[in-house]
Amino acid sequence: MRSIMNLSFPQCARCGLLAVAVTVTLTAAGAARAEIIEEIAARINNAVIVRSEMQMRRMQIARQIEAEVPPGERETVLEEAQDRVLFDMINEELLLQQAKLNFDMEKYFDNLKREFMEKNNITSDADLTLLLDNEGLTLDEFRRLLLRSNVPQDVLQFEVARRLAVSGQEIADHYAANLESFRTRGEVTLREIVILSAGRGEAAAAERAAATVARLRAGEDFATVAAEISEAPSRENGGQVGPFQSGDLAPRLEESAFAMPVGEIGEAIATSYGYHILQVVTRTPSAIRPLEEVEAEVENTLRQEKYTRDLEVFLGRLWRENQVVLNPRYATGKLADGGPYATLEELLTGGDPLGPQEAGSGAANGESPRPQEGGGQ
């Protein structure tokens, strides 16, 4: 029997500012069961987030980090992620509620269900019901699972990403203001002969280096002389090394390698270990990449900057236009410094909590971000 946990769910790409995860809460069935009362961490309009949901989300995050993050980085990443849990869950709930203003949720769910069934080779509603029964899930719980997996990112695509536009002038202006960031590093391929001071002394090494330079400038083949004289492993390759980019070589070697003409035999360069004799085989100078070459790169950079900015604005508007009430016990992380929310203490003492204001969805009611049968978006 297949398990629903092993099946493929339609899901959008993640957003860097939202850690959207799926939390499945199985509702206790039967009137005879004792009612379980949980501590409320936050209320978003008429929806609540309870302590057990936060704990489940934290466990999910911990498992994901353990599987994906190198051991040396796990503690820091986990601490940062755990601090964001309630903040991200509130954002997720706000996006779920916003979806009801933007989309026809029945059509939206029908499309998600159809995608789920197609991906998992489920051919009928009866087979789907059987699978859910075996997993102890009701259709309503399955619906919540699918919606929480997809709605937040679809709302962000609908409200933020699809509205972004980057003009040709913006691209040109960014390019002109950041020319140095598009500079390529120079590149050079060399032949080398290394003469060590160890075992012969500085004077003897200098004399041997000068004699070698004279032989090369007299016309002897560099590769042949390198195989005979050089004390570096590159002697086996006729002394050829590289390519090196600017910044890869020791300063004195780099200065010579990027200054002397191609093919010329340079002076012996004194080093801490002896002498280095260089010949430039090929060299590509540093240059500014043309706009035509980097246009798509610049556009993506500007688009991401605008998305990050507009995302913050959009989420901020959702917090202001909805009633978010926070249990002060959970005002940690990004919620620690206050924000557009009320606290339970303020409600109990007669404070004026932030309430729903007139909200503009920016979209026609009933429009769905997912293709309908027989037509597109």
Protein backbone atom coordinates (compact mmCIF):
# COMPACT_ATOMS: atom_id res chain seq x y z
CA MET A 1 0.00 0.00 0.00
CA ARG A 2 1.37 3.39 -0.94
CA SER A 3 1.95 6.02 1.73
CA ILE A 4 0.96 9.62 1.09
CA MET A 5 4.28 10.72 2.56
CA ASN A 6 6.07 9.10 -0.37
CA LEU A 7 3.99 10.77 -3.05
CA SER A 8 4.75 13.87 -5.09
CA PHE A 9 3.00 17.11 -4.26
CA PRO A 10 2.77 20.00 -6.73
CA GLN A 11 4.81 22.76 -5.17
CA CYS A 12 6.22 26.13 -6.21
CA ALA A 13 9.79 27.32 -5.85
CA ARG A 14 10.76 28.58 -2.42
CA CYS A 15 11.01 32.28 -1.61
CA GLY A 16 14.18 33.36 0.21
CA LEU A 17 12.26 35.41 2.79
CA LEU A 18 9.68 32.75 3.63
CA ALA A 19 10.41 29.30 4.99
CA VAL A 20 7.16 27.75 3.82
CA ALA A 21 6.65 24.24 5.13
CA VAL A 22 3.65 21.94 5.30
CA THR A 23 2.10 21.18 8.67
CA VAL A 24 -0.58 18.50 8.74
CA THR A 25 -2.73 18.55 11.86
CA LEU A 26 -4.96 15.50 12.23
CA THR A 27 -8.23 16.41 13.91
CA ALA A 28 -9.44 14.07 16.64
CA ALA A 29 -12.62 12.32 15.55
CA GLY A 30 -15.58 11.37 17.66
CA ALA A 31 -17.57 13.41 20.15
CA ALA A 32 -16.57 11.09 23.00
CA ARG A 33 -12.92 12.22 22.90
CA ALA A 34 -11.80 14.72 25.53
CA GLU A 35 -11.25 18.21 24.19
CA ILE A 36 -7.60 19.30 24.12
CA ILE A 37 -6.98 22.97 24.76
CA GLU A 38 -3.68 24.35 23.48
CA GLU A 39 -1.84 27.55 24.11
CA ILE A 40 -2.38 30.05 21.30
CA ALA A 41 0.80 31.65 19.97
CA ALA A 42 -0.87 34.03 17.53
CA ARG A 43 -4.23 34.86 16.03
CA ILE A 44 -4.55 36.12 12.47
CA ASN A 45 -8.11 37.39 12.01
CA ASN A 46 -10.16 34.30 12.88
CA ALA A 47 -7.34 31.77 12.45
CA VAL A 48 -4.98 30.71 15.22
CA ILE A 49 -1.49 29.25 15.41
CA VAL A 50 -1.03 27.02 18.43
CA ARG A 51 2.07 25.94 20.29
CA SER A 52 2.03 22.36 18.97
CA GLU A 53 2.06 23.62 15.36
CA MET A 54 5.13 25.71 16.13
CA GLN A 55 6.82 22.70 17.72
CA MET A 56 6.04 20.55 14.71
CA ARG A 57 7.42 23.21 12.37
CA ARG A 58 10.59 23.45 14.45
CA MET A 59 11.08 19.68 14.23
CA GLN A 60 10.59 19.78 10.46
CA ILE A 61 13.17 22.55 10.14
CA ALA A 62 15.65 20.70 12.35
CA ARG A 63 15.35 17.53 10.25
CA GLN A 64 15.77 19.49 7.03
CA ILE A 65 18.84 21.33 8.30
CA GLU A 66 20.40 18.11 9.57
CA ALA A 67 19.95 16.57 6.12
CA GLU A 68 21.08 19.54 4.02
CA VAL A 69 23.51 21.73 6.00
CA PRO A 70 27.16 20.84 6.69
CA PRO A 71 27.77 19.94 10.38
CA GLY A 72 29.90 23.00 11.10
CA GLU A 73 27.13 25.36 10.01
CA ARG A 74 24.09 23.61 11.46
CA GLU A 75 23.96 25.32 14.85
CA THR A 76 23.98 28.84 13.40
CA VAL A 77 21.52 28.03 10.61
CA LEU A 78 19.19 26.23 13.01
CA GLU A 79 19.21 29.11 15.51
CA GLU A 80 18.36 31.64 12.80
CA ALA A 81 15.61 29.42 11.37
CA GLN A 82 14.05 28.68 14.75
CA ASP A 83 13.89 32.41 15.55
CA ARG A 84 11.80 32.94 12.40
CA VAL A 85 9.29 30.13 12.93
CA LEU A 86 6.30 32.07 14.21
CA PHE A 87 7.04 35.07 11.99
CA ASP A 88 7.05 32.82 8.92
CA MET A 89 3.94 30.93 10.03
CA ILE A 90 2.06 34.23 10.42
CA ASN A 91 3.20 35.30 6.95
CA GLU A 92 2.04 31.96 5.59
CA GLU A 93 -1.40 32.34 7.16
CA LEU A 94 -1.72 35.90 5.87
CA LEU A 95 -0.93 34.66 2.36
CA LEU A 96 -3.44 31.83 2.69
CA GLN A 97 -6.13 34.34 3.64
CA GLN A 98 -5.10 36.72 0.86
CA ALA A 99 -5.54 33.89 -1.63
CA LYS A 100 -9.26 33.86 -0.91
CA LEU A 101 -9.44 37.42 -2.25
CA ASN A 102 -7.34 36.68 -5.32
CA PHE A 103 -8.35 33.23 -6.49
CA ASP A 104 -11.34 30.99 -6.99
CA MET A 105 -10.28 28.55 -4.28
CA GLU A 106 -12.51 25.73 -5.47
CA LYS A 107 -10.99 25.80 -8.95
CA TYR A 108 -7.56 26.29 -7.40
CA PHE A 109 -7.92 23.19 -5.23
CA ASP A 110 -9.37 21.18 -8.11
CA ASN A 111 -6.29 21.99 -10.19
CA LEU A 112 -3.94 21.04 -7.36
CA LYS A 113 -5.79 17.79 -6.77
CA ARG A 114 -5.66 16.93 -10.46
CA GLU A 115 -1.90 17.62 -10.56
CA PHE A 116 -1.40 15.48 -7.45
CA MET A 117 -3.37 12.59 -8.93
CA GLU A 118 -1.56 12.80 -12.28
CA LYS A 119 1.89 12.86 -10.69
CA ASN A 120 1.09 9.87 -8.52
CA ASN A 121 -0.84 7.79 -11.07
CA ILE A 122 -4.12 7.97 -9.15
CA THR A 123 -6.81 7.47 -11.73
CA SER A 124 -10.04 8.11 -9.82
CA ASP A 125 -11.50 9.95 -6.85
CA ALA A 126 -12.34 6.58 -5.36
CA ASP A 127 -8.65 5.58 -5.42
CA LEU A 128 -7.71 8.92 -3.85
CA THR A 129 -10.29 8.46 -1.09
CA LEU A 130 -8.95 4.97 -0.40
CA LEU A 131 -5.42 6.31 -0.12
CA LEU A 132 -6.51 9.06 2.25
CA ASP A 133 -8.50 6.59 4.36
CA ASN A 134 -5.44 4.36 4.69
CA GLU A 135 -3.43 7.35 5.89
CA GLY A 136 -6.11 8.51 8.33
CA LEU A 137 -6.67 11.75 6.40
CA THR A 138 -9.98 13.33 5.58
CA LEU A 139 -10.52 15.18 2.32
CA ASP A 140 -10.55 18.47 4.26
CA GLU A 141 -7.16 17.66 5.79
CA PHE A 142 -5.81 16.70 2.37
CA ARG A 143 -7.14 20.00 1.01
CA ARG A 144 -5.32 21.96 3.73
CA LEU A 145 -2.13 20.05 3.00
CA LEU A 146 -2.24 20.87 -0.71
CA LEU A 147 -3.17 24.50 -0.15
CA ARG A 148 -0.45 25.13 2.43
CA SER A 149 2.07 23.55 0.07
CA ASN A 150 1.24 25.88 -2.80
CA VAL A 151 -0.81 28.93 -1.91
CA PRO A 152 1.88 31.12 -0.29
CA GLN A 153 4.21 31.00 -3.28
CA ASP A 154 1.39 31.36 -5.80
CA VAL A 155 0.14 34.47 -4.00
CA LEU A 156 3.65 35.95 -4.05
CA GLN A 157 3.93 35.16 -7.74
CA PHE A 158 0.53 36.74 -8.38
CA GLU A 159 0.94 39.83 -6.17
CA VAL A 160 4.67 40.53 -6.43
CA ALA A 161 6.73 38.63 -9.01
CA ARG A 162 4.44 39.01 -12.01
CA ARG A 163 4.25 42.79 -11.51
CA LEU A 164 8.00 43.32 -11.72
CA ALA A 165 9.39 45.13 -14.73
CA VAL A 166 12.95 46.11 -15.53
CA SER A 167 13.47 48.64 -18.31
CA GLY A 168 16.34 48.82 -20.73
CA GLN A 169 17.29 52.20 -19.26
CA GLU A 170 17.50 50.73 -15.77
CA ILE A 171 19.79 48.00 -17.07
CA ALA A 172 22.02 50.52 -18.84
CA ASP A 173 22.17 52.79 -15.77
CA HIS A 174 23.10 49.91 -13.46
CA TYR A 175 25.78 48.76 -15.88
CA ALA A 176 27.30 52.25 -16.17
CA ALA A 177 27.31 52.73 -12.39
CA ASN A 178 28.96 49.37 -11.72
CA LEU A 179 31.43 48.94 -14.57
CA GLU A 180 34.22 47.54 -12.40
CA SER A 181 32.00 44.70 -11.23
CA PHE A 182 31.92 43.48 -14.84
CA ARG A 183 35.69 43.50 -15.29
CA THR A 184 37.21 40.15 -16.16
CA ARG A 185 40.46 39.04 -14.59
CA GLY A 186 43.49 38.94 -16.86
CA GLU A 187 44.78 35.47 -17.68
CA VAL A 188 48.26 34.25 -18.52
CA THR A 189 49.93 30.95 -19.44
CA LEU A 190 53.65 30.72 -18.71
CA ARG A 191 56.78 28.65 -19.05
CA GLU A 192 58.99 28.66 -15.97
CA ILE A 193 62.41 27.60 -14.84
CA VAL A 194 62.99 27.45 -11.09
CA ILE A 195 66.51 27.45 -9.63
CA LEU A 196 66.71 26.80 -5.89
CA SER A 197 69.19 28.39 -3.52
CA ALA A 198 69.07 25.47 -1.12
CA GLY A 199 72.14 23.25 -1.43
CA ARG A 200 74.15 25.69 -3.55
CA GLY A 201 73.83 29.08 -1.85
CA GLU A 202 72.45 32.43 -3.02
CA ALA A 203 75.44 33.48 -5.12
CA ALA A 204 75.68 30.19 -6.98
CA ALA A 205 71.92 30.22 -7.63
CA ALA A 206 72.11 33.78 -9.00
CA GLU A 207 74.98 32.82 -11.29
CA ARG A 208 73.16 29.74 -12.58
CA ALA A 209 70.01 31.80 -13.21
CA ALA A 210 71.91 34.46 -15.17
CA ALA A 211 73.61 31.80 -17.29
CA THR A 212 70.23 30.18 -18.00
CA VAL A 213 68.70 33.49 -19.11
CA ALA A 214 71.65 34.01 -21.46
CA ARG A 215 71.12 30.57 -23.03
CA LEU A 216 67.44 31.22 -23.60
CA ARG A 217 68.02 34.67 -25.09
CA ALA A 218 70.64 33.15 -27.36
CA GLY A 219 67.84 31.08 -28.90
CA GLU A 220 67.82 27.75 -27.07
CA ASP A 221 64.40 26.12 -26.76
CA PHE A 222 62.74 27.01 -23.43
CA ALA A 223 61.14 23.59 -22.97
CA THR A 224 64.45 21.81 -23.56
CA VAL A 225 66.35 24.05 -21.14
CA ALA A 226 63.56 23.74 -18.54
CA ALA A 227 63.72 19.95 -18.70
CA GLU A 228 67.49 20.17 -18.12
CA ILE A 229 67.77 22.99 -15.54
CA SER A 230 64.47 23.59 -13.73
CA GLU A 231 63.94 22.24 -10.22
CA ALA A 232 60.14 22.57 -10.32
CA PRO A 233 57.71 19.74 -11.18
CA SER A 234 56.73 21.65 -14.34
CA ARG A 235 60.05 20.59 -15.90
CA GLU A 236 58.24 17.42 -17.01
CA ASN A 237 55.95 19.63 -19.13
CA GLY A 238 58.65 21.79 -20.65
CA GLY A 239 58.13 24.28 -17.82
CA GLN A 240 54.57 25.20 -18.93
CA VAL A 241 52.15 26.20 -16.18
CA GLY A 242 48.77 27.90 -16.04
CA PRO A 243 46.61 29.49 -17.04
CA PHE A 244 46.66 31.85 -14.06
CA GLN A 245 44.26 34.70 -13.46
CA SER A 246 45.36 38.04 -12.09
CA GLY A 247 45.74 37.69 -8.34
CA ASP A 248 46.78 34.02 -8.48
CA LEU A 249 50.55 34.56 -8.58
CA ALA A 250 52.97 36.00 -6.05
CA PRO A 251 53.17 39.80 -6.55
CA ARG A 252 56.65 39.94 -8.14
CA LEU A 253 55.87 37.06 -10.51
CA GLU A 254 52.49 38.54 -11.43
CA GLU A 255 53.97 41.96 -12.15
CA SER A 256 56.42 40.42 -14.62
CA ALA A 257 53.94 37.94 -16.14
CA PHE A 258 51.37 40.64 -16.97
CA ALA A 259 53.90 43.25 -18.12
CA MET A 260 56.50 41.63 -20.39
CA PRO A 261 55.70 40.89 -24.04
CA VAL A 262 54.47 37.45 -25.09
CA GLY A 263 57.37 35.18 -26.01
CA GLU A 264 60.06 37.32 -24.39
CA ILE A 265 62.48 35.87 -21.84
CA GLY A 266 62.26 37.82 -18.63
CA GLU A 267 65.00 38.62 -16.15
CA ALA A 268 65.57 36.10 -13.37
CA ILE A 269 63.27 37.04 -10.48
CA ALA A 270 64.69 36.61 -6.98
CA THR A 271 62.31 34.79 -4.62
CA SER A 272 62.48 33.48 -1.07
CA TYR A 273 63.53 30.07 -2.39
CA GLY A 274 65.83 31.03 -5.27
CA TYR A 275 65.19 32.35 -8.78
CA HIS A 276 62.29 32.19 -11.23
CA ILE A 277 62.70 32.65 -14.99
CA LEU A 278 59.49 33.25 -16.96
CA GLN A 279 58.33 33.31 -20.55
CA VAL A 280 54.77 34.35 -21.41
CA VAL A 281 53.09 31.82 -23.73
CA THR A 282 49.64 33.48 -23.99
CA ARG A 283 47.96 36.34 -22.18
CA THR A 284 44.46 37.78 -22.13
CA PRO A 285 44.27 41.23 -20.57
CA SER A 286 41.66 42.32 -18.06
CA ALA A 287 38.63 43.93 -19.73
CA ILE A 288 35.12 45.24 -19.03
CA ARG A 289 32.55 42.81 -20.36
CA PRO A 290 30.25 44.57 -22.88
CA LEU A 291 26.66 45.34 -21.91
CA GLU A 292 25.33 42.93 -24.54
CA GLU A 293 27.14 40.10 -22.78
CA VAL A 294 25.89 40.87 -19.27
CA GLU A 295 22.42 42.28 -20.01
CA ALA A 296 20.54 39.21 -18.78
CA GLU A 297 22.73 39.07 -15.67
CA VAL A 298 22.02 42.72 -14.86
CA GLU A 299 18.31 42.26 -15.45
CA ASN A 300 18.21 39.30 -13.05
CA THR A 301 20.07 41.32 -10.42
CA LEU A 302 17.66 44.24 -10.71
CA ARG A 303 14.65 41.93 -10.74
CA GLN A 304 15.81 40.24 -7.54
CA GLU A 305 16.42 43.59 -5.86
CA LYS A 306 12.95 44.78 -6.82
CA TYR A 307 11.39 41.49 -5.71
CA THR A 308 13.04 41.71 -2.30
CA ARG A 309 11.88 45.32 -1.88
CA ASP A 310 8.34 44.72 -3.13
CA LEU A 311 7.98 41.55 -1.09
CA GLU A 312 8.74 43.44 2.11
CA VAL A 313 6.23 46.13 1.13
CA PHE A 314 3.53 43.59 0.28
CA LEU A 315 3.97 41.54 3.46
CA GLY A 316 4.04 44.73 5.52
CA ARG A 317 0.72 45.74 3.97
CA LEU A 318 -0.80 42.37 4.87
CA TRP A 319 0.27 42.78 8.50
CA ARG A 320 -1.26 46.25 8.64
CA GLU A 321 -4.50 45.36 6.88
CA ASN A 322 -5.26 42.28 8.97
CA GLN A 323 -5.72 41.73 12.69
CA VAL A 324 -2.59 40.00 13.96
CA VAL A 325 -2.62 39.31 17.70
CA LEU A 326 0.52 37.89 19.27
CA ASN A 327 1.03 36.04 22.53
CA PRO A 328 3.92 38.03 24.08
CA ARG A 329 5.52 34.78 25.27
CA TYR A 330 6.39 34.12 21.63
CA ALA A 331 7.60 37.61 20.68
CA THR A 332 11.10 36.42 19.82
CA GLY A 333 13.36 36.66 16.82
CA LYS A 334 11.94 38.97 14.16
CA LEU A 335 8.92 39.65 16.38
CA ALA A 336 10.97 40.79 19.38
CA ASP A 337 11.16 44.46 18.40
CA GLY A 338 7.46 45.02 18.01
CA GLY A 339 5.62 45.60 14.79
CA PRO A 340 2.17 45.94 13.23
CA TYR A 341 0.46 43.57 15.62
CA ALA A 342 -1.41 43.68 18.91
CA THR A 343 -0.61 41.51 21.94
CA LEU A 344 -2.99 39.53 24.09
CA GLU A 345 -2.07 41.84 26.97
CA GLU A 346 -3.25 44.85 24.97
CA LEU A 347 -6.55 43.12 24.24
CA LEU A 348 -7.10 42.23 27.89
CA THR A 349 -6.31 45.78 29.06
CA GLY A 350 -8.55 47.42 26.51
CA GLY A 351 -5.87 48.40 24.04
CA ASP A 352 -6.90 49.04 20.47
CA PRO A 353 -5.56 46.12 18.42
CA LEU A 354 -4.81 46.54 14.80
CA GLY A 355 -7.90 45.52 12.94
CA PRO A 356 -8.73 44.80 9.35
CA GLN A 357 -8.67 47.88 7.17
CA GLU A 358 -9.98 48.28 3.67
CA ALA A 359 -7.84 45.88 1.66
CA GLY A 360 -7.26 46.01 -2.06
CA SER A 361 -6.21 42.70 -3.49
CA GLY A 362 -5.00 44.19 -6.73
CA ALA A 363 -6.62 41.32 -8.57
CA ALA A 364 -10.05 40.41 -9.80
CA ASN A 365 -11.99 38.03 -7.60
CA GLY A 366 -11.95 34.49 -8.83
CA GLU A 367 -8.80 34.69 -10.95
CA SER A 368 -6.66 31.61 -10.51
CA PRO A 369 -2.90 31.47 -11.03
CA ARG A 370 -3.09 27.90 -12.26
CA PRO A 371 -4.22 26.97 -15.77
CA GLN A 372 -7.80 25.87 -16.05
CA GLU A 373 -8.84 23.07 -18.34
CA GLY A 374 -9.31 24.44 -21.83
CA GLY A 375 -7.43 27.66 -21.19
CA GLY A 376 -4.45 29.37 -19.60
CA GLN A 377 -3.97 32.07 -17.02
